[in-house]
Amino acid sequence: MPPLRSFALRLVVIAALLLACSQWFSEPLVRPLLPLFAWTVEQADDHLAVQRVEIDAEKKGVYLSIETRLKRPLQLDAEHWLFPDTSPPASQGMLVGAVLQPLVVLLAIVLAWPARTRREALWRGLLSLPAAVALVLADAPLGLAGALLDFRQVAPAAPVSPLVHWNDFLQSGGPLAMAICAAVLVVALGERLGRAAQARPSPAAP
C-alpha cells in the first residue's frame, strides 16, 4: 500500500476510535480540568470572577457551563458601564464533547504518522502532552471568556476585547487549524530530536 494511502487509512481508523472514546468518556476526562478552566478564565481577563464551572446534563446533551461575575467596573463606552453590585451573573456553555475534539485531531495525526524509531515515537508522546494542554486551554476557557465579554449587540461602539476576536476565530474552525498545526509541530520536533539522539556518539568504553 502506498505510504500516503496507508497514512490516510490509519488516520481515519484512529480518529474514529478516539472520537468514540471522547464521546463515551468526555465527562470523566473533562471534569478534572474544571479548576484549571476557571483559573484560565480569570487570568485571561481581570474583570471576570468565576462563580461556578460545572458539567450539566440537559435534554440536548451534556454541557460545560461557566458562570461569572464582575470583579470591578467595566466600561463599554462613554454611556454604558457595568458594575459588580448591579450586574447579574453571566453564563456561557458548550458541549463537553467539543472540548476534546482538538485533542482527537492532534492525537490522531500524531499516532497515525509513522515513526522511524522507538525513540522518535517516545519524543512524540512527550511533546504531545504540553501540546494537548495548550490546545485545551486555548479553546474552551478562552472561547467561553470571549463569549462572556462580547457586548457588540448591546454596545456596538464599545471597544472589542481581544478575547472576543479569539472566540470568533474559534467559531470559524480555529480549534481544527490549531490541532493540525500542533500535530505537525509535534511530529517534526519528535523526528528531529529522535535523529539528534540517534546521531549522538556513545561514550567509549574504558
N, C-alpha and C. Protein backbone atom coordinates (compact mmCIF):
# COMPACT_ATOMS: atom_id res chain seq x y z
N MET A 1 0.84 -1.19 0.00
CA MET A 1 0.00 0.00 0.00
C MET A 1 0.88 1.25 0.00
N PRO A 2 0.60 2.24 -0.86
CA PRO A 2 1.39 3.47 -0.88
C PRO A 2 1.39 4.14 0.49
N PRO A 3 2.51 4.81 0.85
CA PRO A 3 2.60 5.43 2.19
C PRO A 3 1.48 6.41 2.48
N LEU A 4 1.12 7.24 1.51
CA LEU A 4 0.08 8.24 1.75
C LEU A 4 -1.26 7.57 2.01
N ARG A 5 -1.57 6.53 1.23
CA ARG A 5 -2.84 5.83 1.43
C ARG A 5 -2.84 5.11 2.77
N SER A 6 -1.70 4.52 3.13
CA SER A 6 -1.61 3.83 4.42
C SER A 6 -1.80 4.81 5.57
N PHE A 7 -1.17 6.00 5.46
CA PHE A 7 -1.34 7.02 6.50
C PHE A 7 -2.79 7.46 6.59
N ALA A 8 -3.43 7.68 5.45
CA ALA A 8 -4.82 8.12 5.45
C ALA A 8 -5.73 7.08 6.09
N LEU A 9 -5.48 5.81 5.80
CA LEU A 9 -6.30 4.74 6.39
C LEU A 9 -6.11 4.69 7.90
N ARG A 10 -4.87 4.75 8.35
CA ARG A 10 -4.61 4.75 9.80
C ARG A 10 -5.24 5.97 10.45
N LEU A 11 -5.16 7.11 9.79
CA LEU A 11 -5.72 8.34 10.35
C LEU A 11 -7.23 8.21 10.55
N VAL A 12 -7.92 7.66 9.56
CA VAL A 12 -9.37 7.51 9.66
C VAL A 12 -9.74 6.55 10.79
N VAL A 13 -9.05 5.42 10.87
CA VAL A 13 -9.36 4.42 11.89
C VAL A 13 -9.08 4.97 13.29
N ILE A 14 -7.90 5.56 13.47
CA ILE A 14 -7.54 6.08 14.79
C ILE A 14 -8.45 7.23 15.20
N ALA A 15 -8.77 8.12 14.25
CA ALA A 15 -9.66 9.24 14.57
C ALA A 15 -11.04 8.74 14.97
N ALA A 16 -11.53 7.71 14.30
CA ALA A 16 -12.85 7.17 14.64
C ALA A 16 -12.84 6.58 16.05
N LEU A 17 -11.78 5.84 16.39
CA LEU A 17 -11.69 5.25 17.72
C LEU A 17 -11.57 6.33 18.80
N LEU A 18 -10.72 7.33 18.55
CA LEU A 18 -10.55 8.40 19.54
C LEU A 18 -11.82 9.22 19.70
N LEU A 19 -12.52 9.45 18.59
CA LEU A 19 -13.76 10.22 18.67
C LEU A 19 -14.81 9.47 19.47
N ALA A 20 -14.90 8.16 19.26
CA ALA A 20 -15.86 7.36 20.03
C ALA A 20 -15.51 7.39 21.52
N CYS A 21 -14.22 7.25 21.83
CA CYS A 21 -13.81 7.29 23.24
C CYS A 21 -14.08 8.66 23.86
N SER A 22 -13.86 9.73 23.08
CA SER A 22 -14.09 11.07 23.62
C SER A 22 -15.56 11.31 23.91
N GLN A 23 -16.45 10.69 23.15
CA GLN A 23 -17.87 10.83 23.41
C GLN A 23 -18.30 10.00 24.61
N TRP A 24 -17.75 8.81 24.75
CA TRP A 24 -18.14 7.94 25.86
C TRP A 24 -17.56 8.42 27.19
N PHE A 25 -16.35 8.92 27.17
CA PHE A 25 -15.65 9.27 28.41
C PHE A 25 -15.40 10.77 28.53
N SER A 26 -16.17 11.58 27.83
CA SER A 26 -15.92 13.03 27.85
C SER A 26 -16.06 13.62 29.25
N GLU A 27 -17.11 13.23 29.96
CA GLU A 27 -17.34 13.82 31.28
C GLU A 27 -16.23 13.50 32.27
N PRO A 28 -15.83 12.22 32.46
CA PRO A 28 -14.74 11.96 33.42
C PRO A 28 -13.40 12.53 32.98
N LEU A 29 -13.21 12.75 31.68
CA LEU A 29 -11.95 13.33 31.21
C LEU A 29 -11.91 14.84 31.41
N VAL A 30 -13.05 15.50 31.27
CA VAL A 30 -13.10 16.96 31.35
C VAL A 30 -13.24 17.44 32.79
N ARG A 31 -13.93 16.68 33.63
CA ARG A 31 -14.22 17.15 34.99
C ARG A 31 -12.95 17.52 35.78
N PRO A 32 -11.86 16.75 35.73
CA PRO A 32 -10.66 17.17 36.49
C PRO A 32 -10.05 18.48 35.99
N LEU A 33 -10.42 18.91 34.79
CA LEU A 33 -9.85 20.14 34.23
C LEU A 33 -10.63 21.38 34.62
N LEU A 34 -11.77 21.23 35.29
CA LEU A 34 -12.61 22.39 35.58
C LEU A 34 -11.91 23.47 36.41
N PRO A 35 -11.16 23.13 37.48
CA PRO A 35 -10.45 24.20 38.20
C PRO A 35 -9.44 24.93 37.32
N LEU A 36 -8.79 24.21 36.42
CA LEU A 36 -7.84 24.84 35.51
C LEU A 36 -8.55 25.77 34.53
N PHE A 37 -9.75 25.38 34.10
CA PHE A 37 -10.54 26.24 33.22
C PHE A 37 -10.91 27.54 33.94
N ALA A 38 -11.35 27.42 35.19
CA ALA A 38 -11.73 28.61 35.95
C ALA A 38 -10.53 29.54 36.13
N TRP A 39 -9.39 28.98 36.45
CA TRP A 39 -8.18 29.80 36.63
C TRP A 39 -7.80 30.49 35.32
N THR A 40 -7.92 29.79 34.20
CA THR A 40 -7.56 30.37 32.91
C THR A 40 -8.46 31.54 32.56
N VAL A 41 -9.76 31.41 32.81
CA VAL A 41 -10.69 32.50 32.52
C VAL A 41 -10.35 33.73 33.34
N GLU A 42 -10.07 33.55 34.62
CA GLU A 42 -9.76 34.69 35.48
C GLU A 42 -8.43 35.33 35.12
N GLN A 43 -7.48 34.54 34.65
CA GLN A 43 -6.20 35.10 34.22
C GLN A 43 -6.31 35.80 32.88
N ALA A 44 -7.24 35.36 32.05
CA ALA A 44 -7.38 35.95 30.72
C ALA A 44 -7.94 37.36 30.77
N ASP A 45 -8.83 37.64 31.73
CA ASP A 45 -9.40 38.98 31.87
C ASP A 45 -9.69 39.24 33.34
N ASP A 46 -9.10 40.30 33.89
CA ASP A 46 -9.23 40.54 35.33
C ASP A 46 -10.57 41.15 35.72
N HIS A 47 -11.48 41.34 34.75
CA HIS A 47 -12.83 41.78 35.11
C HIS A 47 -13.70 40.61 35.59
N LEU A 48 -13.33 39.39 35.22
CA LEU A 48 -14.19 38.22 35.46
C LEU A 48 -13.76 37.46 36.71
N ALA A 49 -14.75 37.12 37.52
CA ALA A 49 -14.56 36.22 38.66
C ALA A 49 -15.48 35.02 38.47
N VAL A 50 -14.91 33.85 38.39
CA VAL A 50 -15.69 32.64 38.14
C VAL A 50 -16.41 32.23 39.42
N GLN A 51 -17.73 32.16 39.34
CA GLN A 51 -18.55 31.72 40.46
C GLN A 51 -18.83 30.22 40.42
N ARG A 52 -18.93 29.70 39.22
CA ARG A 52 -19.27 28.27 39.07
C ARG A 52 -18.80 27.79 37.71
N VAL A 53 -18.17 26.64 37.70
CA VAL A 53 -17.85 25.96 36.45
C VAL A 53 -18.17 24.49 36.68
N GLU A 54 -19.06 23.95 35.87
CA GLU A 54 -19.59 22.63 36.14
C GLU A 54 -20.00 21.97 34.84
N ILE A 55 -20.21 20.67 34.92
CA ILE A 55 -20.74 19.89 33.81
C ILE A 55 -22.20 19.62 34.10
N ASP A 56 -23.07 20.10 33.23
CA ASP A 56 -24.51 19.99 33.43
C ASP A 56 -25.11 19.10 32.35
N ALA A 57 -25.94 18.16 32.78
CA ALA A 57 -26.66 17.29 31.85
C ALA A 57 -28.02 17.91 31.53
N GLU A 58 -28.26 18.18 30.26
CA GLU A 58 -29.52 18.73 29.81
C GLU A 58 -30.14 17.81 28.77
N LYS A 59 -31.35 18.16 28.35
CA LYS A 59 -32.03 17.32 27.38
C LYS A 59 -31.28 17.27 26.04
N LYS A 60 -30.65 18.38 25.69
CA LYS A 60 -29.96 18.45 24.40
C LYS A 60 -28.56 17.86 24.45
N GLY A 61 -28.06 17.54 25.64
CA GLY A 61 -26.73 16.98 25.77
C GLY A 61 -26.06 17.37 27.07
N VAL A 62 -24.80 17.01 27.20
CA VAL A 62 -24.01 17.32 28.39
C VAL A 62 -23.14 18.53 28.07
N TYR A 63 -23.25 19.57 28.91
CA TYR A 63 -22.61 20.85 28.63
C TYR A 63 -21.58 21.21 29.70
N LEU A 64 -20.53 21.87 29.26
CA LEU A 64 -19.62 22.56 30.16
C LEU A 64 -20.16 23.96 30.36
N SER A 65 -20.56 24.28 31.59
CA SER A 65 -21.18 25.57 31.89
C SER A 65 -20.29 26.37 32.82
N ILE A 66 -20.22 27.67 32.58
CA ILE A 66 -19.43 28.56 33.42
C ILE A 66 -20.25 29.80 33.75
N GLU A 67 -20.21 30.21 35.01
CA GLU A 67 -20.93 31.40 35.47
C GLU A 67 -19.93 32.35 36.11
N THR A 68 -20.00 33.62 35.71
CA THR A 68 -19.05 34.61 36.21
C THR A 68 -19.77 35.85 36.71
N ARG A 69 -19.07 36.60 37.55
CA ARG A 69 -19.50 37.93 37.98
C ARG A 69 -18.35 38.89 37.72
N LEU A 70 -18.69 40.18 37.70
CA LEU A 70 -17.66 41.20 37.52
C LEU A 70 -16.92 41.44 38.83
N LYS A 71 -15.60 41.54 38.75
CA LYS A 71 -14.80 41.88 39.92
C LYS A 71 -14.64 43.38 40.08
N ARG A 72 -14.70 44.10 38.98
CA ARG A 72 -14.56 45.56 39.01
C ARG A 72 -15.36 46.17 37.87
N PRO A 73 -15.64 47.46 37.92
CA PRO A 73 -16.46 48.08 36.88
C PRO A 73 -15.85 47.90 35.49
N LEU A 74 -16.73 47.71 34.54
CA LEU A 74 -16.33 47.52 33.15
C LEU A 74 -16.99 48.59 32.29
N GLN A 75 -16.19 49.42 31.66
CA GLN A 75 -16.72 50.47 30.80
C GLN A 75 -16.84 49.96 29.37
N LEU A 76 -18.07 50.00 28.86
CA LEU A 76 -18.30 49.57 27.49
C LEU A 76 -18.03 50.72 26.52
N ASP A 77 -18.61 51.87 26.80
CA ASP A 77 -18.35 53.07 26.02
C ASP A 77 -18.64 54.27 26.91
N ALA A 78 -18.79 55.45 26.32
CA ALA A 78 -18.98 56.66 27.12
C ALA A 78 -20.29 56.64 27.90
N GLU A 79 -21.27 55.87 27.44
CA GLU A 79 -22.59 55.88 28.07
C GLU A 79 -22.93 54.60 28.81
N HIS A 80 -22.17 53.55 28.60
CA HIS A 80 -22.53 52.24 29.17
C HIS A 80 -21.43 51.75 30.10
N TRP A 81 -21.82 51.45 31.33
CA TRP A 81 -20.95 50.87 32.33
C TRP A 81 -21.62 49.64 32.92
N LEU A 82 -20.81 48.68 33.33
CA LEU A 82 -21.30 47.54 34.10
C LEU A 82 -20.59 47.56 35.45
N PHE A 83 -21.38 47.39 36.53
CA PHE A 83 -20.84 47.45 37.88
C PHE A 83 -21.06 46.11 38.59
N PRO A 84 -20.11 45.69 39.41
CA PRO A 84 -20.24 44.40 40.10
C PRO A 84 -21.50 44.29 40.96
N ASP A 85 -21.91 45.39 41.60
CA ASP A 85 -23.05 45.33 42.52
C ASP A 85 -24.39 45.25 41.81
N THR A 86 -24.46 45.75 40.59
CA THR A 86 -25.75 45.82 39.90
C THR A 86 -25.85 44.87 38.71
N SER A 87 -24.74 44.32 38.27
CA SER A 87 -24.78 43.43 37.10
C SER A 87 -25.05 41.99 37.55
N PRO A 88 -26.01 41.32 36.93
CA PRO A 88 -26.28 39.92 37.29
C PRO A 88 -25.18 39.00 36.79
N PRO A 89 -25.10 37.80 37.33
CA PRO A 89 -24.11 36.84 36.82
C PRO A 89 -24.35 36.55 35.35
N ALA A 90 -23.28 36.30 34.64
CA ALA A 90 -23.35 35.93 33.22
C ALA A 90 -22.88 34.49 33.07
N SER A 91 -23.48 33.78 32.15
CA SER A 91 -23.13 32.38 31.97
C SER A 91 -23.01 32.05 30.49
N GLN A 92 -22.18 31.06 30.20
CA GLN A 92 -22.00 30.53 28.85
C GLN A 92 -21.75 29.04 28.97
N GLY A 93 -21.90 28.34 27.86
CA GLY A 93 -21.67 26.90 27.88
C GLY A 93 -21.34 26.36 26.51
N MET A 94 -20.82 25.14 26.51
CA MET A 94 -20.52 24.44 25.26
C MET A 94 -20.62 22.94 25.53
N LEU A 95 -20.83 22.17 24.49
CA LEU A 95 -20.92 20.73 24.64
C LEU A 95 -19.60 20.17 25.16
N VAL A 96 -19.69 19.25 26.10
CA VAL A 96 -18.48 18.67 26.68
C VAL A 96 -17.67 17.94 25.61
N GLY A 97 -18.36 17.27 24.71
CA GLY A 97 -17.65 16.56 23.65
C GLY A 97 -16.81 17.46 22.78
N ALA A 98 -17.25 18.71 22.61
CA ALA A 98 -16.50 19.66 21.78
C ALA A 98 -15.19 20.06 22.42
N VAL A 99 -15.10 19.95 23.75
CA VAL A 99 -13.86 20.31 24.45
C VAL A 99 -12.71 19.42 24.01
N LEU A 100 -13.00 18.15 23.73
CA LEU A 100 -11.96 17.18 23.42
C LEU A 100 -11.70 17.02 21.93
N GLN A 101 -12.47 17.65 21.08
CA GLN A 101 -12.30 17.46 19.64
C GLN A 101 -10.91 17.87 19.14
N PRO A 102 -10.34 19.00 19.60
CA PRO A 102 -8.97 19.31 19.15
C PRO A 102 -7.96 18.24 19.55
N LEU A 103 -8.15 17.63 20.72
CA LEU A 103 -7.24 16.57 21.15
C LEU A 103 -7.36 15.34 20.26
N VAL A 104 -8.58 15.05 19.82
CA VAL A 104 -8.78 13.92 18.91
C VAL A 104 -7.99 14.13 17.63
N VAL A 105 -8.06 15.32 17.07
CA VAL A 105 -7.33 15.62 15.83
C VAL A 105 -5.82 15.54 16.07
N LEU A 106 -5.36 16.15 17.16
CA LEU A 106 -3.93 16.12 17.48
C LEU A 106 -3.41 14.69 17.61
N LEU A 107 -4.05 13.90 18.45
CA LEU A 107 -3.57 12.54 18.71
C LEU A 107 -3.73 11.64 17.50
N ALA A 108 -4.80 11.84 16.72
CA ALA A 108 -5.00 11.00 15.53
C ALA A 108 -3.85 11.20 14.54
N ILE A 109 -3.46 12.44 14.31
CA ILE A 109 -2.36 12.70 13.37
C ILE A 109 -1.04 12.18 13.92
N VAL A 110 -0.77 12.44 15.19
CA VAL A 110 0.50 12.02 15.79
C VAL A 110 0.62 10.50 15.80
N LEU A 111 -0.45 9.80 16.13
CA LEU A 111 -0.41 8.34 16.19
C LEU A 111 -0.40 7.71 14.81
N ALA A 112 -1.07 8.34 13.84
CA ALA A 112 -1.14 7.76 12.50
C ALA A 112 0.15 7.98 11.71
N TRP A 113 0.88 9.03 12.01
CA TRP A 113 2.11 9.32 11.28
C TRP A 113 3.17 8.30 11.65
N PRO A 114 3.73 7.58 10.69
CA PRO A 114 4.69 6.52 11.02
C PRO A 114 5.97 7.08 11.64
N ALA A 115 6.43 6.43 12.69
CA ALA A 115 7.68 6.81 13.35
C ALA A 115 8.78 5.86 12.90
N ARG A 116 9.96 6.42 12.62
CA ARG A 116 11.07 5.60 12.13
C ARG A 116 11.72 4.78 13.24
N THR A 117 11.74 5.32 14.44
CA THR A 117 12.39 4.63 15.55
C THR A 117 11.52 4.74 16.79
N ARG A 118 11.80 3.91 17.76
CA ARG A 118 11.08 3.98 19.03
C ARG A 118 11.39 5.28 19.76
N ARG A 119 12.61 5.76 19.62
CA ARG A 119 12.99 7.00 20.29
C ARG A 119 12.18 8.17 19.73
N GLU A 120 12.00 8.17 18.43
CA GLU A 120 11.18 9.22 17.82
C GLU A 120 9.74 9.15 18.32
N ALA A 121 9.20 7.93 18.42
CA ALA A 121 7.83 7.78 18.94
C ALA A 121 7.73 8.25 20.39
N LEU A 122 8.79 7.98 21.17
CA LEU A 122 8.79 8.43 22.57
C LEU A 122 8.80 9.95 22.65
N TRP A 123 9.61 10.59 21.82
CA TRP A 123 9.64 12.05 21.82
C TRP A 123 8.28 12.62 21.43
N ARG A 124 7.63 12.00 20.48
CA ARG A 124 6.29 12.46 20.08
C ARG A 124 5.32 12.39 21.25
N GLY A 125 5.37 11.28 21.97
CA GLY A 125 4.48 11.15 23.12
C GLY A 125 4.73 12.22 24.17
N LEU A 126 6.01 12.50 24.44
CA LEU A 126 6.35 13.52 25.43
C LEU A 126 5.92 14.91 24.97
N LEU A 127 6.12 15.21 23.70
CA LEU A 127 5.76 16.52 23.17
C LEU A 127 4.25 16.70 23.04
N SER A 128 3.54 15.59 22.92
CA SER A 128 2.08 15.68 22.78
C SER A 128 1.42 16.18 24.06
N LEU A 129 2.02 15.92 25.22
CA LEU A 129 1.41 16.32 26.49
C LEU A 129 1.28 17.84 26.61
N PRO A 130 2.36 18.62 26.49
CA PRO A 130 2.18 20.08 26.56
C PRO A 130 1.35 20.63 25.42
N ALA A 131 1.45 20.00 24.25
CA ALA A 131 0.63 20.46 23.12
C ALA A 131 -0.85 20.27 23.41
N ALA A 132 -1.20 19.14 24.03
CA ALA A 132 -2.60 18.88 24.36
C ALA A 132 -3.13 19.87 25.39
N VAL A 133 -2.32 20.15 26.42
CA VAL A 133 -2.74 21.12 27.44
C VAL A 133 -2.94 22.50 26.82
N ALA A 134 -2.01 22.92 25.98
CA ALA A 134 -2.12 24.23 25.34
C ALA A 134 -3.37 24.31 24.46
N LEU A 135 -3.67 23.24 23.74
CA LEU A 135 -4.86 23.23 22.88
C LEU A 135 -6.14 23.37 23.70
N VAL A 136 -6.24 22.61 24.78
CA VAL A 136 -7.46 22.64 25.59
C VAL A 136 -7.66 24.01 26.21
N LEU A 137 -6.60 24.61 26.74
CA LEU A 137 -6.73 25.91 27.39
C LEU A 137 -6.98 27.02 26.39
N ALA A 138 -6.43 26.91 25.20
CA ALA A 138 -6.65 27.95 24.19
C ALA A 138 -8.04 27.88 23.59
N ASP A 139 -8.69 26.73 23.73
CA ASP A 139 -10.01 26.55 23.10
C ASP A 139 -11.14 26.84 24.08
N ALA A 140 -11.47 25.91 24.94
CA ALA A 140 -12.69 26.01 25.75
C ALA A 140 -12.72 27.22 26.69
N PRO A 141 -11.77 27.38 27.62
CA PRO A 141 -11.90 28.50 28.56
C PRO A 141 -11.77 29.87 27.91
N LEU A 142 -10.85 30.03 26.97
CA LEU A 142 -10.69 31.33 26.33
C LEU A 142 -11.86 31.65 25.41
N GLY A 143 -12.42 30.61 24.78
CA GLY A 143 -13.60 30.84 23.96
C GLY A 143 -14.80 31.26 24.79
N LEU A 144 -14.99 30.61 25.94
CA LEU A 144 -16.10 31.00 26.82
C LEU A 144 -15.89 32.40 27.39
N ALA A 145 -14.64 32.74 27.72
CA ALA A 145 -14.36 34.09 28.21
C ALA A 145 -14.68 35.13 27.14
N GLY A 146 -14.33 34.83 25.90
CA GLY A 146 -14.65 35.74 24.81
C GLY A 146 -16.13 35.92 24.62
N ALA A 147 -16.89 34.83 24.75
CA ALA A 147 -18.35 34.93 24.62
C ALA A 147 -18.95 35.76 25.75
N LEU A 148 -18.39 35.63 26.95
CA LEU A 148 -18.89 36.41 28.09
C LEU A 148 -18.62 37.91 27.94
N LEU A 149 -17.58 38.26 27.21
CA LEU A 149 -17.19 39.67 27.05
C LEU A 149 -17.67 40.26 25.73
N ASP A 150 -18.52 39.55 25.04
CA ASP A 150 -19.00 40.03 23.74
C ASP A 150 -20.23 40.92 23.93
N PHE A 151 -20.03 42.22 23.88
CA PHE A 151 -21.12 43.19 24.06
C PHE A 151 -21.42 43.94 22.76
N ARG A 152 -21.09 43.37 21.63
CA ARG A 152 -21.24 44.08 20.37
C ARG A 152 -22.70 44.36 20.02
N GLN A 153 -23.61 43.52 20.50
CA GLN A 153 -25.02 43.75 20.19
C GLN A 153 -25.63 44.84 21.06
N VAL A 154 -25.21 44.94 22.31
CA VAL A 154 -25.79 45.94 23.22
C VAL A 154 -25.04 47.26 23.18
N ALA A 155 -23.76 47.22 22.80
CA ALA A 155 -22.96 48.45 22.73
C ALA A 155 -22.04 48.36 21.52
N PRO A 156 -22.58 48.61 20.33
CA PRO A 156 -21.78 48.45 19.10
C PRO A 156 -20.54 49.33 19.05
N ALA A 157 -20.58 50.48 19.73
CA ALA A 157 -19.44 51.40 19.68
C ALA A 157 -18.36 51.06 20.71
N ALA A 158 -18.62 50.08 21.56
CA ALA A 158 -17.66 49.74 22.61
C ALA A 158 -16.43 49.06 22.02
N PRO A 159 -15.25 49.28 22.63
CA PRO A 159 -14.06 48.56 22.19
C PRO A 159 -14.26 47.05 22.36
N VAL A 160 -13.76 46.30 21.41
CA VAL A 160 -13.94 44.84 21.43
C VAL A 160 -12.70 44.20 22.05
N SER A 161 -12.93 43.36 23.05
CA SER A 161 -11.83 42.67 23.72
C SER A 161 -11.14 41.70 22.75
N PRO A 162 -9.82 41.55 22.86
CA PRO A 162 -9.13 40.55 22.04
C PRO A 162 -9.69 39.14 22.23
N LEU A 163 -10.23 38.85 23.41
CA LEU A 163 -10.83 37.53 23.64
C LEU A 163 -12.07 37.33 22.77
N VAL A 164 -12.78 38.39 22.46
CA VAL A 164 -13.95 38.29 21.57
C VAL A 164 -13.49 37.91 20.17
N HIS A 165 -12.43 38.56 19.69
CA HIS A 165 -11.89 38.20 18.37
C HIS A 165 -11.36 36.77 18.37
N TRP A 166 -10.77 36.37 19.49
CA TRP A 166 -10.27 35.00 19.59
C TRP A 166 -11.43 34.00 19.52
N ASN A 167 -12.53 34.32 20.18
CA ASN A 167 -13.69 33.44 20.12
C ASN A 167 -14.25 33.38 18.70
N ASP A 168 -14.22 34.50 17.97
CA ASP A 168 -14.65 34.48 16.57
C ASP A 168 -13.78 33.52 15.75
N PHE A 169 -12.48 33.54 16.02
CA PHE A 169 -11.57 32.62 15.34
C PHE A 169 -11.89 31.18 15.68
N LEU A 170 -12.17 30.91 16.95
CA LEU A 170 -12.51 29.54 17.36
C LEU A 170 -13.80 29.07 16.71
N GLN A 171 -14.77 29.97 16.57
CA GLN A 171 -16.05 29.59 15.99
C GLN A 171 -15.96 29.36 14.49
N SER A 172 -14.89 29.82 13.86
CA SER A 172 -14.75 29.66 12.41
C SER A 172 -13.73 28.59 12.04
N GLY A 173 -13.55 27.60 12.90
CA GLY A 173 -12.65 26.49 12.60
C GLY A 173 -11.29 26.59 13.24
N GLY A 174 -11.11 27.50 14.17
CA GLY A 174 -9.82 27.68 14.82
C GLY A 174 -9.28 26.45 15.53
N PRO A 175 -10.11 25.72 16.31
CA PRO A 175 -9.58 24.54 17.00
C PRO A 175 -9.01 23.49 16.05
N LEU A 176 -9.66 23.28 14.92
CA LEU A 176 -9.15 22.31 13.94
C LEU A 176 -7.81 22.78 13.38
N ALA A 177 -7.71 24.06 13.03
CA ALA A 177 -6.45 24.58 12.49
C ALA A 177 -5.33 24.48 13.52
N MET A 178 -5.63 24.83 14.78
CA MET A 178 -4.61 24.75 15.82
C MET A 178 -4.17 23.31 16.06
N ALA A 179 -5.12 22.38 16.04
CA ALA A 179 -4.78 20.98 16.29
C ALA A 179 -3.89 20.42 15.19
N ILE A 180 -4.19 20.76 13.93
CA ILE A 180 -3.36 20.29 12.82
C ILE A 180 -1.95 20.87 12.92
N CYS A 181 -1.86 22.18 13.19
CA CYS A 181 -0.54 22.81 13.32
C CYS A 181 0.25 22.21 14.48
N ALA A 182 -0.43 21.98 15.61
CA ALA A 182 0.25 21.39 16.77
C ALA A 182 0.74 19.98 16.46
N ALA A 183 -0.07 19.19 15.75
CA ALA A 183 0.32 17.82 15.41
C ALA A 183 1.53 17.81 14.49
N VAL A 184 1.53 18.67 13.47
CA VAL A 184 2.67 18.74 12.55
C VAL A 184 3.93 19.16 13.30
N LEU A 185 3.78 20.11 14.23
CA LEU A 185 4.93 20.56 15.02
C LEU A 185 5.46 19.44 15.91
N VAL A 186 4.56 18.69 16.54
CA VAL A 186 4.98 17.58 17.39
C VAL A 186 5.72 16.52 16.58
N VAL A 187 5.18 16.18 15.41
CA VAL A 187 5.82 15.17 14.56
C VAL A 187 7.20 15.65 14.10
N ALA A 188 7.29 16.91 13.67
CA ALA A 188 8.57 17.43 13.17
C ALA A 188 9.61 17.51 14.28
N LEU A 189 9.23 18.01 15.45
CA LEU A 189 10.17 18.08 16.57
C LEU A 189 10.57 16.70 17.06
N GLY A 190 9.60 15.78 17.10
CA GLY A 190 9.91 14.42 17.52
C GLY A 190 10.90 13.76 16.59
N GLU A 191 10.73 13.98 15.29
CA GLU A 191 11.67 13.41 14.32
C GLU A 191 13.06 14.02 14.48
N ARG A 192 13.10 15.32 14.67
CA ARG A 192 14.40 15.99 14.80
C ARG A 192 15.11 15.56 16.07
N LEU A 193 14.40 15.52 17.19
CA LEU A 193 15.03 15.11 18.44
C LEU A 193 15.43 13.64 18.41
N GLY A 194 14.61 12.81 17.76
CA GLY A 194 14.96 11.40 17.64
C GLY A 194 16.23 11.20 16.83
N ARG A 195 16.37 11.94 15.74
CA ARG A 195 17.58 11.83 14.93
C ARG A 195 18.79 12.36 15.68
N ALA A 196 18.61 13.46 16.41
CA ALA A 196 19.73 14.02 17.16
C ALA A 196 20.23 13.06 18.22
N ALA A 197 19.31 12.40 18.91
CA ALA A 197 19.71 11.44 19.94
C ALA A 197 20.38 10.22 19.32
N GLN A 198 19.91 9.81 18.13
CA GLN A 198 20.48 8.65 17.47
C GLN A 198 21.88 8.95 16.94
N ALA A 199 22.09 10.20 16.49
CA ALA A 199 23.40 10.56 15.93
C ALA A 199 24.43 10.86 17.00
N ARG A 200 24.00 11.02 18.25
CA ARG A 200 24.95 11.33 19.32
C ARG A 200 25.87 10.13 19.56
N PRO A 201 27.18 10.33 19.54
CA PRO A 201 28.09 9.20 19.73
C PRO A 201 28.01 8.65 21.15
N SER A 202 28.07 7.35 21.25
CA SER A 202 28.04 6.72 22.57
C SER A 202 29.41 6.84 23.23
N PRO A 203 29.45 6.93 24.56
CA PRO A 203 30.75 7.07 25.24
C PRO A 203 31.63 5.84 25.03
N ALA A 204 32.90 6.09 24.83
CA ALA A 204 33.83 5.00 24.60
C ALA A 204 34.05 4.19 25.87
N ALA A 205 34.20 2.91 25.69
CA ALA A 205 34.43 2.03 26.84
C ALA A 205 35.83 2.28 27.39
N PRO A 206 36.01 2.25 28.69
CA PRO A 206 37.36 2.47 29.28
C PRO A 206 38.30 1.32 28.93
